[in-house]
């Protein structure tokens, strides 16, 4: 009988110790809050002023011209083709290849004044030429690659046709009225340049024209 009471007392004391331990656990360093055991956070801030932006590459005539000098000009009277390289360096072997270029590839005698050309060269001390682009008209252009050996490419810009409508009152002549309303448009019509149409009375009219333009 005494041994049974003793066992009950031991079990009861053990239960009291367990309950007491559970009650005290949240306030002891051993069982602290979960946030105390999280990995340390790097609070180092990034200085945005020190970030280097990534520049988007720039292309012209299919050539990446980022970091290069792009010089646009027009052929002057009595200029030769080689005169267009003035101020830049072209390798002698490339210049020699130019002199041997067949006429069916490019005829240098067709170089005419007032035609646009673009010279692309490096920004080094020699201004080493990379390419020259000659534009005989607003649609066609010829690319002369000048880096290691001569490569000549002929291209045509894409042509788009758009219809435009204008409305106005004819007070003098049809041609003069159209020219005043939309003189900057390149119209394809049957109106002769500098001519006039037989409409001299004051009357309203709506006209539709086709406008052709090349994508640059």
N, C-alpha and C. Protein backbone atom coordinates (compact mmCIF):
# COMPACT_ATOMS: atom_id res chain seq x y z
N UNK A 1 0.83 -1.21 0.00
CA UNK A 1 0.00 0.00 0.00
C UNK A 1 0.85 1.24 0.00
N UNK A 2 1.87 1.26 0.85
CA UNK A 2 2.77 2.42 0.90
C UNK A 2 3.52 2.60 -0.39
N UNK A 3 3.91 1.46 -1.01
CA UNK A 3 4.65 1.55 -2.29
C UNK A 3 3.77 2.10 -3.40
N UNK A 4 2.48 1.79 -3.38
CA UNK A 4 1.56 2.31 -4.42
C UNK A 4 1.39 3.81 -4.30
N UNK A 5 1.25 4.27 -3.05
CA UNK A 5 1.12 5.72 -2.82
C UNK A 5 2.37 6.43 -3.28
N UNK A 6 3.51 5.80 -3.01
CA UNK A 6 4.80 6.40 -3.39
C UNK A 6 4.90 6.55 -4.91
N UNK A 7 4.40 5.53 -5.64
CA UNK A 7 4.44 5.59 -7.11
C UNK A 7 3.57 6.73 -7.64
N UNK A 8 2.35 6.85 -7.01
CA UNK A 8 1.45 7.93 -7.45
C UNK A 8 2.06 9.31 -7.21
N UNK A 9 2.75 9.43 -6.08
CA UNK A 9 3.39 10.72 -5.79
C UNK A 9 4.49 11.05 -6.79
N UNK A 10 5.27 10.02 -7.16
CA UNK A 10 6.36 10.25 -8.14
C UNK A 10 5.79 10.65 -9.50
N UNK A 11 4.72 9.94 -9.94
CA UNK A 11 4.09 10.26 -11.23
C UNK A 11 3.50 11.66 -11.21
N UNK A 12 2.86 12.00 -10.08
CA UNK A 12 2.26 13.34 -9.97
C UNK A 12 3.31 14.42 -10.00
N UNK A 13 4.43 14.17 -9.31
CA UNK A 13 5.50 15.17 -9.32
C UNK A 13 6.08 15.34 -10.72
N UNK A 14 6.20 14.24 -11.45
CA UNK A 14 6.73 14.31 -12.83
C UNK A 14 5.81 15.11 -13.73
N UNK A 15 4.49 14.88 -13.56
CA UNK A 15 3.53 15.65 -14.38
C UNK A 15 3.59 17.13 -14.07
N UNK A 16 3.72 17.47 -12.77
CA UNK A 16 3.83 18.89 -12.39
C UNK A 16 5.06 19.52 -13.01
N UNK A 17 6.17 18.80 -13.03
CA UNK A 17 7.40 19.35 -13.63
C UNK A 17 7.23 19.60 -15.14
N UNK A 18 6.53 18.66 -15.80
CA UNK A 18 6.31 18.83 -17.26
C UNK A 18 5.44 20.04 -17.54
N UNK A 19 4.35 20.21 -16.76
CA UNK A 19 3.46 21.37 -16.94
C UNK A 19 4.20 22.66 -16.68
N UNK A 20 5.00 22.69 -15.63
CA UNK A 20 5.76 23.89 -15.29
C UNK A 20 6.76 24.24 -16.39
N UNK A 21 7.42 23.21 -16.95
CA UNK A 21 8.40 23.44 -18.02
C UNK A 21 7.73 24.02 -19.26
N UNK A 22 6.55 23.50 -19.58
CA UNK A 22 5.83 24.02 -20.75
C UNK A 22 5.40 25.46 -20.55
N UNK A 23 5.03 25.81 -19.31
CA UNK A 23 4.58 27.18 -19.03
C UNK A 23 5.73 28.17 -19.09
N UNK A 24 6.93 27.74 -18.68
CA UNK A 24 8.08 28.66 -18.63
C UNK A 24 8.83 28.72 -19.95
N UNK A 25 8.66 27.72 -20.84
CA UNK A 25 9.48 27.59 -22.07
C UNK A 25 9.49 28.84 -22.95
N UNK A 26 8.33 29.50 -23.23
CA UNK A 26 8.36 30.67 -24.13
C UNK A 26 9.20 31.82 -23.61
N UNK A 27 9.52 31.82 -22.28
CA UNK A 27 10.24 32.97 -21.71
C UNK A 27 11.71 32.66 -21.44
N UNK A 28 12.18 31.51 -21.87
CA UNK A 28 13.58 31.14 -21.65
C UNK A 28 14.38 31.37 -22.93
N UNK A 29 15.67 31.69 -22.83
CA UNK A 29 16.51 31.92 -24.02
C UNK A 29 16.59 30.70 -24.92
N UNK A 30 16.42 29.50 -24.35
CA UNK A 30 16.55 28.30 -25.14
C UNK A 30 15.42 28.16 -26.13
N UNK A 31 14.22 28.59 -25.75
CA UNK A 31 13.06 28.50 -26.61
C UNK A 31 12.56 29.91 -26.96
N UNK A 32 13.42 30.67 -27.54
CA UNK A 32 13.06 32.06 -27.89
C UNK A 32 12.20 32.06 -29.16
N UNK A 33 11.78 33.24 -29.59
CA UNK A 33 10.91 33.36 -30.76
C UNK A 33 11.66 32.93 -32.01
N UNK A 34 10.89 32.47 -33.01
CA UNK A 34 11.47 31.95 -34.24
C UNK A 34 12.25 33.01 -35.00
N UNK A 35 11.83 34.27 -34.87
CA UNK A 35 12.50 35.35 -35.61
C UNK A 35 13.96 35.50 -35.20
N UNK A 36 14.31 35.08 -33.96
CA UNK A 36 15.69 35.21 -33.52
C UNK A 36 16.61 34.23 -34.24
N UNK A 37 16.04 33.23 -34.90
CA UNK A 37 16.87 32.21 -35.53
C UNK A 37 16.87 32.33 -37.06
N UNK A 38 16.30 33.42 -37.60
CA UNK A 38 16.30 33.65 -39.05
C UNK A 38 17.69 34.07 -39.49
N UNK A 39 18.00 33.77 -40.77
CA UNK A 39 19.29 34.16 -41.33
C UNK A 39 19.38 35.67 -41.39
N UNK A 40 20.53 36.26 -41.12
CA UNK A 40 20.68 37.71 -41.16
C UNK A 40 20.42 38.26 -42.56
N UNK A 41 19.75 39.40 -42.64
CA UNK A 41 19.42 40.03 -43.91
C UNK A 41 20.47 41.06 -44.26
N UNK A 42 20.95 40.99 -45.53
CA UNK A 42 21.95 41.96 -45.97
C UNK A 42 21.25 43.28 -46.25
N UNK A 43 21.53 44.25 -45.45
CA UNK A 43 20.86 45.56 -45.58
C UNK A 43 21.66 46.52 -46.45
N UNK A 44 22.67 46.03 -47.18
CA UNK A 44 23.48 46.91 -48.02
C UNK A 44 22.64 47.42 -49.18
N UNK A 45 22.50 48.72 -49.35
CA UNK A 45 21.71 49.32 -50.42
C UNK A 45 22.57 49.52 -51.67
N UNK A 46 21.92 49.47 -52.84
CA UNK A 46 22.61 49.64 -54.12
C UNK A 46 22.48 51.09 -54.56
N UNK A 47 23.62 51.71 -54.86
CA UNK A 47 23.63 53.09 -55.33
C UNK A 47 23.30 53.10 -56.82
N UNK A 48 22.09 53.57 -57.16
CA UNK A 48 21.65 53.55 -58.56
C UNK A 48 22.50 54.44 -59.45
N UNK A 49 23.16 55.45 -58.86
CA UNK A 49 23.98 56.35 -59.67
C UNK A 49 25.22 55.66 -60.21
N UNK A 50 25.61 54.53 -59.60
CA UNK A 50 26.80 53.81 -60.03
C UNK A 50 26.49 52.70 -61.04
N UNK A 51 25.20 52.50 -61.32
CA UNK A 51 24.81 51.48 -62.28
C UNK A 51 25.11 51.97 -63.70
N UNK A 52 25.68 51.13 -64.53
CA UNK A 52 26.01 51.49 -65.90
C UNK A 52 24.90 50.99 -66.82
N UNK A 53 24.17 51.91 -67.50
CA UNK A 53 23.08 51.47 -68.38
C UNK A 53 23.62 50.73 -69.60
N UNK A 54 22.88 49.71 -70.03
CA UNK A 54 23.26 48.94 -71.22
C UNK A 54 22.66 49.64 -72.44
N UNK A 55 23.54 50.10 -73.35
CA UNK A 55 23.08 50.82 -74.53
C UNK A 55 22.61 49.84 -75.60
N UNK A 56 21.50 50.19 -76.22
CA UNK A 56 20.96 49.38 -77.31
C UNK A 56 21.78 49.63 -78.57
N UNK A 57 22.22 48.58 -79.26
CA UNK A 57 23.03 48.78 -80.47
C UNK A 57 22.26 49.53 -81.55
N UNK A 58 22.96 50.41 -82.26
CA UNK A 58 22.35 51.22 -83.31
C UNK A 58 22.82 50.68 -84.67
N UNK A 59 21.86 50.47 -85.57
CA UNK A 59 22.18 49.96 -86.90
C UNK A 59 21.78 50.99 -87.95
N UNK A 60 22.61 51.10 -88.98
CA UNK A 60 22.31 51.97 -90.12
C UNK A 60 22.80 51.27 -91.38
N UNK A 61 21.90 51.12 -92.34
CA UNK A 61 22.21 50.39 -93.58
C UNK A 61 22.66 48.96 -93.28
N UNK A 62 22.14 48.37 -92.21
CA UNK A 62 22.50 47.02 -91.83
C UNK A 62 23.84 46.90 -91.14
N UNK A 63 24.48 48.02 -90.81
CA UNK A 63 25.79 48.03 -90.16
C UNK A 63 25.62 48.56 -88.74
N UNK A 64 26.21 47.87 -87.76
CA UNK A 64 26.13 48.37 -86.40
C UNK A 64 27.09 49.55 -86.26
N UNK A 65 26.56 50.73 -86.00
CA UNK A 65 27.36 51.96 -85.97
C UNK A 65 27.53 52.49 -84.55
N UNK A 66 27.20 51.70 -83.55
CA UNK A 66 27.37 52.14 -82.17
C UNK A 66 28.85 52.43 -81.91
N UNK A 67 29.14 53.61 -81.37
CA UNK A 67 30.51 53.98 -81.07
C UNK A 67 31.31 54.42 -82.28
N UNK A 68 30.66 54.52 -83.46
CA UNK A 68 31.35 54.96 -84.67
C UNK A 68 30.87 56.35 -85.08
N UNK A 69 31.59 56.95 -85.99
CA UNK A 69 31.21 58.25 -86.52
C UNK A 69 30.47 58.05 -87.84
N UNK A 70 29.28 58.60 -87.94
CA UNK A 70 28.46 58.50 -89.15
C UNK A 70 28.36 59.89 -89.76
N UNK A 71 29.00 60.06 -90.91
CA UNK A 71 29.09 61.37 -91.54
C UNK A 71 28.28 61.38 -92.83
N UNK A 72 27.21 62.16 -92.85
CA UNK A 72 26.36 62.26 -94.03
C UNK A 72 26.70 63.54 -94.80
N UNK A 73 26.76 63.40 -96.12
CA UNK A 73 27.10 64.57 -96.94
C UNK A 73 26.54 64.36 -98.35
N UNK A 74 26.86 65.30 -99.25
CA UNK A 74 26.41 65.24 -100.64
C UNK A 74 27.61 65.41 -101.56
N UNK A 75 27.56 64.70 -102.68
CA UNK A 75 28.66 64.77 -103.65
C UNK A 75 28.75 66.18 -104.22
N UNK A 76 29.94 66.72 -104.20
CA UNK A 76 30.17 68.06 -104.76
C UNK A 76 30.54 67.96 -106.24
N UNK A 77 30.45 69.05 -106.89
CA UNK A 77 30.75 69.09 -108.32
C UNK A 77 32.21 68.72 -108.57
N UNK A 78 32.43 67.91 -109.59
CA UNK A 78 33.76 67.46 -110.03
C UNK A 78 34.46 66.55 -109.00
N UNK A 79 33.74 66.05 -108.01
CA UNK A 79 34.34 65.12 -107.06
C UNK A 79 34.41 63.72 -107.65
N UNK A 80 35.53 63.04 -107.38
CA UNK A 80 35.67 61.65 -107.76
C UNK A 80 35.22 60.78 -106.58
N UNK A 81 35.04 59.49 -106.87
CA UNK A 81 34.56 58.61 -105.81
C UNK A 81 35.56 58.54 -104.66
N UNK A 82 36.83 58.46 -104.98
CA UNK A 82 37.84 58.38 -103.92
C UNK A 82 37.92 59.67 -103.10
N UNK A 83 37.43 60.77 -103.65
CA UNK A 83 37.42 62.03 -102.90
C UNK A 83 36.44 61.97 -101.73
N UNK A 84 35.50 61.04 -101.80
CA UNK A 84 34.50 60.92 -100.74
C UNK A 84 35.11 60.37 -99.45
N UNK A 85 36.30 59.76 -99.55
CA UNK A 85 36.98 59.22 -98.37
C UNK A 85 37.84 60.27 -97.67
N UNK A 86 37.81 61.49 -98.14
CA UNK A 86 38.69 62.54 -97.60
C UNK A 86 38.52 62.69 -96.08
N UNK A 87 39.65 62.68 -95.37
CA UNK A 87 39.63 62.82 -93.92
C UNK A 87 39.60 61.50 -93.19
N UNK A 88 39.49 60.38 -93.93
CA UNK A 88 39.48 59.05 -93.30
C UNK A 88 40.56 58.18 -93.94
N UNK A 89 40.82 57.04 -93.31
CA UNK A 89 41.86 56.13 -93.79
C UNK A 89 41.24 54.88 -94.39
N UNK A 90 41.65 54.57 -95.61
CA UNK A 90 41.22 53.35 -96.29
C UNK A 90 42.48 52.55 -96.63
N UNK A 91 42.46 51.26 -96.34
CA UNK A 91 43.64 50.43 -96.60
C UNK A 91 44.00 50.45 -98.08
N UNK A 92 45.29 50.51 -98.40
CA UNK A 92 45.72 50.55 -99.81
C UNK A 92 45.19 49.40 -100.64
N UNK A 93 45.13 48.19 -100.07
CA UNK A 93 44.63 47.04 -100.83
C UNK A 93 43.16 47.20 -101.18
N UNK A 94 42.39 47.87 -100.30
CA UNK A 94 40.98 48.10 -100.59
C UNK A 94 40.83 49.15 -101.69
N UNK A 95 41.65 50.19 -101.66
CA UNK A 95 41.63 51.19 -102.72
C UNK A 95 41.99 50.57 -104.06
N UNK A 96 42.93 49.65 -104.05
CA UNK A 96 43.31 48.96 -105.29
C UNK A 96 42.16 48.11 -105.81
N UNK A 97 41.42 47.47 -104.92
CA UNK A 97 40.26 46.67 -105.33
C UNK A 97 39.18 47.55 -105.94
N UNK A 98 39.07 48.79 -105.45
CA UNK A 98 38.09 49.72 -106.02
C UNK A 98 38.41 50.03 -107.48
N UNK A 99 39.67 50.19 -107.79
CA UNK A 99 40.06 50.49 -109.17
C UNK A 99 39.80 49.33 -110.11
N UNK A 100 39.75 48.11 -109.58
CA UNK A 100 39.53 46.91 -110.39
C UNK A 100 38.07 46.48 -110.41
N UNK A 101 37.20 47.28 -109.80
CA UNK A 101 35.79 46.89 -109.71
C UNK A 101 35.13 46.93 -111.09
N UNK A 102 34.49 45.85 -111.53
CA UNK A 102 33.83 45.83 -112.85
C UNK A 102 32.69 46.84 -112.92
N UNK A 103 32.43 47.36 -114.12
CA UNK A 103 31.38 48.35 -114.32
C UNK A 103 29.99 47.77 -114.09
N UNK A 104 29.85 46.46 -114.32
CA UNK A 104 28.53 45.86 -114.10
C UNK A 104 28.19 45.75 -112.61
N UNK A 105 29.22 45.88 -111.75
CA UNK A 105 28.97 45.93 -110.30
C UNK A 105 28.67 47.36 -109.88
N UNK A 106 29.53 48.28 -110.32
CA UNK A 106 29.28 49.71 -110.05
C UNK A 106 30.11 50.52 -111.02
N UNK A 107 29.45 51.46 -111.67
CA UNK A 107 30.12 52.34 -112.64
C UNK A 107 30.40 53.68 -111.96
N UNK A 108 31.68 53.94 -111.70
CA UNK A 108 32.04 55.17 -110.98
C UNK A 108 31.77 56.43 -111.80
N UNK A 109 31.59 56.28 -113.12
CA UNK A 109 31.29 57.44 -113.96
C UNK A 109 29.88 57.97 -113.70
N UNK A 110 29.05 57.15 -113.04
CA UNK A 110 27.68 57.57 -112.76
C UNK A 110 27.58 58.37 -111.46
N UNK A 111 28.72 58.59 -110.80
CA UNK A 111 28.70 59.44 -109.61
C UNK A 111 28.38 60.87 -110.04
N UNK A 112 27.31 61.43 -109.52
CA UNK A 112 26.89 62.78 -109.90
C UNK A 112 26.77 63.67 -108.67
N UNK A 113 26.89 64.94 -108.89
CA UNK A 113 26.81 65.90 -107.79
C UNK A 113 25.41 65.94 -107.20
N UNK A 114 25.35 66.39 -105.96
CA UNK A 114 24.10 66.55 -105.21
C UNK A 114 23.50 65.22 -104.76
N UNK A 115 24.19 64.10 -105.01
CA UNK A 115 23.71 62.81 -104.52
C UNK A 115 24.22 62.59 -103.10
N UNK A 116 23.39 61.98 -102.29
CA UNK A 116 23.74 61.78 -100.87
C UNK A 116 24.65 60.57 -100.69
N UNK A 117 25.60 60.70 -99.77
CA UNK A 117 26.42 59.57 -99.39
C UNK A 117 26.70 59.63 -97.89
N UNK A 118 27.01 58.49 -97.31
CA UNK A 118 27.28 58.38 -95.87
C UNK A 118 28.60 57.65 -95.67
N UNK A 119 29.50 58.27 -94.92
CA UNK A 119 30.79 57.65 -94.61
C UNK A 119 30.78 57.24 -93.14
N UNK A 120 31.05 55.96 -92.90
CA UNK A 120 31.08 55.41 -91.54
C UNK A 120 32.52 55.04 -91.22
N UNK A 121 33.06 55.59 -90.13
CA UNK A 121 34.44 55.27 -89.77
C UNK A 121 34.60 55.19 -88.26
N UNK A 122 35.69 54.56 -87.84
CA UNK A 122 36.00 54.44 -86.42
C UNK A 122 36.40 55.80 -85.87
N UNK A 123 36.41 55.90 -84.55
CA UNK A 123 36.79 57.16 -83.89
C UNK A 123 38.26 57.15 -83.48
N UNK A 124 39.07 56.30 -84.11
CA UNK A 124 40.50 56.27 -83.80
C UNK A 124 41.18 57.47 -84.43
N UNK A 125 42.48 57.60 -84.18
CA UNK A 125 43.22 58.76 -84.68
C UNK A 125 43.26 58.80 -86.20
N UNK A 126 43.23 57.63 -86.85
CA UNK A 126 43.27 57.58 -88.32
C UNK A 126 41.89 57.75 -88.95
N UNK A 127 40.84 57.61 -88.15
CA UNK A 127 39.47 57.61 -88.66
C UNK A 127 39.32 56.52 -89.73
N UNK A 128 39.66 55.31 -89.34
CA UNK A 128 39.64 54.17 -90.27
C UNK A 128 38.24 53.94 -90.80
N UNK A 129 38.12 53.96 -92.13
CA UNK A 129 36.81 53.81 -92.77
C UNK A 129 36.29 52.39 -92.63
N UNK A 130 35.00 52.27 -92.34
CA UNK A 130 34.34 50.97 -92.23
C UNK A 130 33.48 50.71 -93.46
N UNK A 131 32.75 51.74 -93.90
CA UNK A 131 31.86 51.58 -95.06
C UNK A 131 31.51 52.95 -95.62
N UNK A 132 31.16 52.94 -96.91
CA UNK A 132 30.63 54.13 -97.56
C UNK A 132 29.35 53.74 -98.28
N UNK A 133 28.31 54.54 -98.10
CA UNK A 133 27.00 54.25 -98.71
C UNK A 133 26.67 55.37 -99.68
N UNK A 134 26.48 55.01 -100.94
CA UNK A 134 26.13 55.98 -101.98
C UNK A 134 24.68 55.78 -102.37
N UNK A 135 23.92 56.90 -102.45
CA UNK A 135 22.49 56.83 -102.75
C UNK A 135 22.21 57.56 -104.07
N UNK A 136 22.11 56.83 -105.18
CA UNK A 136 21.84 57.48 -106.46
C UNK A 136 20.42 58.06 -106.55
N UNK A 137 19.51 57.54 -105.74
CA UNK A 137 18.14 58.05 -105.71
C UNK A 137 17.55 57.70 -104.36
N UNK A 138 16.35 58.20 -104.04
CA UNK A 138 15.76 57.94 -102.72
C UNK A 138 15.43 56.48 -102.44
N UNK A 139 15.41 55.63 -103.47
CA UNK A 139 15.04 54.23 -103.29
C UNK A 139 16.27 53.34 -103.21
N UNK A 140 17.23 53.51 -104.11
CA UNK A 140 18.39 52.63 -104.18
C UNK A 140 19.56 53.18 -103.36
N UNK A 141 20.37 52.27 -102.85
CA UNK A 141 21.63 52.67 -102.21
C UNK A 141 22.63 51.53 -102.32
N UNK A 142 23.90 51.89 -102.44
CA UNK A 142 24.98 50.92 -102.62
C UNK A 142 25.92 51.03 -101.43
N UNK A 143 26.20 49.89 -100.78
CA UNK A 143 27.06 49.85 -99.61
C UNK A 143 28.43 49.29 -100.01
N UNK A 144 29.48 50.07 -99.75
CA UNK A 144 30.85 49.63 -99.99
C UNK A 144 31.48 49.32 -98.62
N UNK A 145 31.65 48.04 -98.33
CA UNK A 145 32.31 47.63 -97.09
C UNK A 145 33.82 47.72 -97.29
N UNK A 146 34.52 48.41 -96.38
CA UNK A 146 35.92 48.75 -96.60
C UNK A 146 36.87 48.22 -95.54
N UNK A 147 36.44 47.30 -94.71
CA UNK A 147 37.27 46.90 -93.56
C UNK A 147 38.51 46.12 -93.97
N UNK A 148 38.38 44.88 -94.32
CA UNK A 148 39.53 44.04 -94.66
C UNK A 148 39.67 43.84 -96.17
N UNK A 149 38.55 43.64 -96.82
CA UNK A 149 38.53 43.53 -98.28
C UNK A 149 37.24 44.16 -98.78
N UNK A 150 37.24 44.56 -100.04
CA UNK A 150 36.11 45.28 -100.59
C UNK A 150 34.92 44.35 -100.84
N UNK A 151 33.77 44.74 -100.31
CA UNK A 151 32.52 44.04 -100.56
C UNK A 151 31.49 45.09 -100.96
N UNK A 152 30.81 44.87 -102.09
CA UNK A 152 29.83 45.83 -102.59
C UNK A 152 28.45 45.18 -102.58
N UNK A 153 27.49 45.88 -101.99
CA UNK A 153 26.11 45.39 -101.91
C UNK A 153 25.16 46.46 -102.43
N UNK A 154 24.23 46.06 -103.28
CA UNK A 154 23.20 46.96 -103.79
C UNK A 154 21.87 46.64 -103.11
N UNK A 155 21.18 47.68 -102.68
CA UNK A 155 19.92 47.48 -101.95
C UNK A 155 18.85 48.43 -102.50
N UNK A 156 17.61 48.08 -102.24
CA UNK A 156 16.47 48.94 -102.54
C UNK A 156 15.59 49.04 -101.31
N UNK A 157 15.17 50.25 -100.99
CA UNK A 157 14.27 50.45 -99.87
C UNK A 157 12.87 49.97 -100.23
N UNK A 158 12.13 49.58 -99.21
CA UNK A 158 10.76 49.14 -99.42
C UNK A 158 9.88 50.34 -99.76
N UNK A 159 9.07 50.18 -100.80
CA UNK A 159 8.18 51.26 -101.24
C UNK A 159 6.76 50.98 -100.77
N UNK A 160 6.14 51.95 -100.16
CA UNK A 160 4.74 51.82 -99.74
C UNK A 160 3.89 52.85 -100.48
N UNK A 161 2.69 52.47 -100.83
CA UNK A 161 1.77 53.36 -101.53
C UNK A 161 0.59 53.66 -100.62
N UNK A 162 0.32 54.94 -100.42
CA UNK A 162 -0.78 55.36 -99.57
C UNK A 162 -1.72 56.26 -100.35
N UNK A 163 -2.98 56.18 -100.04
CA UNK A 163 -3.98 57.05 -100.66
C UNK A 163 -4.32 58.19 -99.71
N UNK A 164 -4.31 59.40 -100.24
CA UNK A 164 -4.63 60.58 -99.47
C UNK A 164 -5.79 61.33 -100.13
N UNK A 165 -6.68 61.85 -99.31
CA UNK A 165 -7.81 62.63 -99.82
C UNK A 165 -7.70 64.07 -99.32
N UNK A 166 -7.97 65.00 -100.21
CA UNK A 166 -7.97 66.42 -99.84
C UNK A 166 -9.29 67.04 -100.30
N UNK A 167 -9.75 67.97 -99.53
CA UNK A 167 -10.99 68.67 -99.85
C UNK A 167 -10.75 70.17 -99.80
N UNK A 168 -11.20 70.87 -100.80
CA UNK A 168 -10.99 72.32 -100.81
C UNK A 168 -11.87 72.99 -101.84
N UNK A 169 -11.72 74.28 -101.94
CA UNK A 169 -12.50 75.08 -102.89
C UNK A 169 -11.56 75.61 -103.95
N UNK A 170 -11.87 75.35 -105.23
CA UNK A 170 -11.05 75.80 -106.35
C UNK A 170 -11.42 77.26 -106.64
N UNK A 171 -10.45 78.14 -106.46
CA UNK A 171 -10.69 79.57 -106.70
C UNK A 171 -9.95 80.07 -107.93
N UNK A 172 -8.84 79.44 -108.27
CA UNK A 172 -8.08 79.86 -109.46
C UNK A 172 -8.00 78.70 -110.45
N UNK A 173 -7.09 77.75 -110.19
CA UNK A 173 -6.97 76.56 -111.03
C UNK A 173 -6.85 75.34 -110.13
N UNK A 174 -7.14 74.18 -110.68
CA UNK A 174 -7.08 72.95 -109.91
C UNK A 174 -5.66 72.70 -109.42
N UNK A 175 -4.67 72.90 -110.28
CA UNK A 175 -3.28 72.63 -109.89
C UNK A 175 -2.84 73.55 -108.76
N UNK A 176 -3.14 74.83 -108.85
CA UNK A 176 -2.71 75.79 -107.83
C UNK A 176 -3.39 75.51 -106.49
N UNK A 177 -4.65 75.07 -106.54
CA UNK A 177 -5.38 74.77 -105.30
C UNK A 177 -4.77 73.56 -104.61
N UNK A 178 -4.48 72.52 -105.40
CA UNK A 178 -3.85 71.32 -104.82
C UNK A 178 -2.48 71.66 -104.27
N UNK A 179 -1.73 72.45 -105.01
CA UNK A 179 -0.37 72.81 -104.58
C UNK A 179 -0.41 73.60 -103.27
N UNK A 180 -1.42 74.43 -103.07
CA UNK A 180 -1.54 75.22 -101.85
C UNK A 180 -1.96 74.36 -100.67
N UNK A 181 -2.80 73.34 -100.93
CA UNK A 181 -3.30 72.49 -99.84
C UNK A 181 -2.29 71.43 -99.44
N UNK A 182 -1.57 70.88 -100.39
CA UNK A 182 -0.69 69.75 -100.07
C UNK A 182 0.55 69.78 -100.96
N UNK A 183 1.23 70.88 -100.97
CA UNK A 183 2.40 71.03 -101.83
C UNK A 183 3.57 70.16 -101.42
N UNK A 184 3.57 69.71 -100.16
CA UNK A 184 4.69 68.90 -99.69
C UNK A 184 4.51 67.43 -99.98
N UNK A 185 3.37 67.03 -100.53
CA UNK A 185 3.14 65.63 -100.84
C UNK A 185 3.73 65.31 -102.21
N UNK A 186 4.21 64.09 -102.38
CA UNK A 186 4.71 63.63 -103.67
C UNK A 186 3.59 62.83 -104.34
N UNK A 187 2.76 63.53 -105.11
CA UNK A 187 1.59 62.88 -105.69
C UNK A 187 1.94 62.23 -107.02
N UNK A 188 1.26 61.13 -107.32
CA UNK A 188 1.32 60.49 -108.61
C UNK A 188 -0.03 60.74 -109.29
N UNK A 189 -0.04 61.66 -110.22
CA UNK A 189 -1.31 62.03 -110.85
C UNK A 189 -1.04 62.43 -112.28
N UNK A 190 -2.07 62.79 -112.97
CA UNK A 190 -1.96 63.20 -114.37
C UNK A 190 -1.88 64.70 -114.52
N UNK A 191 -1.71 65.43 -113.42
CA UNK A 191 -1.61 66.88 -113.50
C UNK A 191 -0.20 67.25 -113.92
N UNK A 192 0.00 67.93 -115.01
CA UNK A 192 1.37 68.26 -115.44
C UNK A 192 2.01 69.26 -114.51
N UNK A 193 3.33 69.09 -114.28
CA UNK A 193 4.05 70.00 -113.39
C UNK A 193 4.05 71.40 -113.98
N UNK A 194 3.62 72.37 -113.21
CA UNK A 194 3.60 73.75 -113.66
C UNK A 194 2.40 74.09 -114.53
N UNK A 195 1.55 73.10 -114.82
CA UNK A 195 0.40 73.34 -115.67
C UNK A 195 -0.83 73.69 -114.87
N UNK A 196 -1.92 73.88 -115.54
CA UNK A 196 -3.18 74.19 -114.87
C UNK A 196 -4.29 73.41 -115.54
N UNK A 197 -5.32 73.15 -114.78
CA UNK A 197 -6.47 72.42 -115.29
C UNK A 197 -7.59 73.42 -115.57
N UNK A 198 -8.49 73.09 -116.48
CA UNK A 198 -9.54 74.05 -116.89
C UNK A 198 -10.67 74.17 -115.87
N UNK A 199 -10.31 74.46 -114.61
CA UNK A 199 -11.32 74.71 -113.58
C UNK A 199 -11.01 76.06 -112.96
N UNK A 200 -11.66 77.10 -113.40
CA UNK A 200 -11.37 78.43 -112.89
C UNK A 200 -12.55 79.02 -112.11
N UNK A 201 -13.64 78.30 -112.09
CA UNK A 201 -14.77 78.80 -111.31
C UNK A 201 -14.64 78.33 -109.87
N UNK A 202 -15.35 78.99 -108.98
CA UNK A 202 -15.31 78.63 -107.57
C UNK A 202 -16.23 77.45 -107.33
N UNK A 203 -15.65 76.30 -107.01
CA UNK A 203 -16.45 75.10 -106.79
C UNK A 203 -15.69 74.18 -105.84
N UNK A 204 -16.44 73.40 -105.07
CA UNK A 204 -15.85 72.49 -104.10
C UNK A 204 -15.60 71.13 -104.77
N UNK A 205 -14.52 70.47 -104.36
CA UNK A 205 -14.20 69.17 -104.94
C UNK A 205 -13.34 68.37 -103.98
N UNK A 206 -13.54 67.07 -103.95
CA UNK A 206 -12.71 66.17 -103.14
C UNK A 206 -11.92 65.28 -104.09
N UNK A 207 -10.60 65.20 -103.91
CA UNK A 207 -9.72 64.44 -104.79
C UNK A 207 -8.94 63.41 -103.99
N UNK A 208 -8.68 62.28 -104.60
CA UNK A 208 -7.89 61.22 -103.97
C UNK A 208 -6.66 60.96 -104.82
N UNK A 209 -5.48 60.95 -104.18
CA UNK A 209 -4.22 60.75 -104.87
C UNK A 209 -3.49 59.57 -104.26
N UNK A 210 -2.58 59.02 -105.04
CA UNK A 210 -1.68 57.98 -104.54
C UNK A 210 -0.33 58.61 -104.22
N UNK A 211 0.19 58.31 -103.04
CA UNK A 211 1.48 58.85 -102.60
C UNK A 211 2.44 57.70 -102.39
N UNK A 212 3.57 57.72 -103.07
CA UNK A 212 4.57 56.68 -102.95
C UNK A 212 5.76 57.22 -102.14
N UNK A 213 6.22 56.45 -101.16
CA UNK A 213 7.36 56.88 -100.38
C UNK A 213 8.19 55.67 -99.99
N UNK A 214 9.48 55.93 -99.83
CA UNK A 214 10.42 54.85 -99.49
C UNK A 214 10.70 54.89 -97.99
N UNK A 215 10.78 53.69 -97.37
CA UNK A 215 11.11 53.59 -95.97
C UNK A 215 12.61 53.79 -95.79
N UNK A 216 13.00 54.67 -94.87
CA UNK A 216 14.41 54.94 -94.62
C UNK A 216 14.90 54.01 -93.53
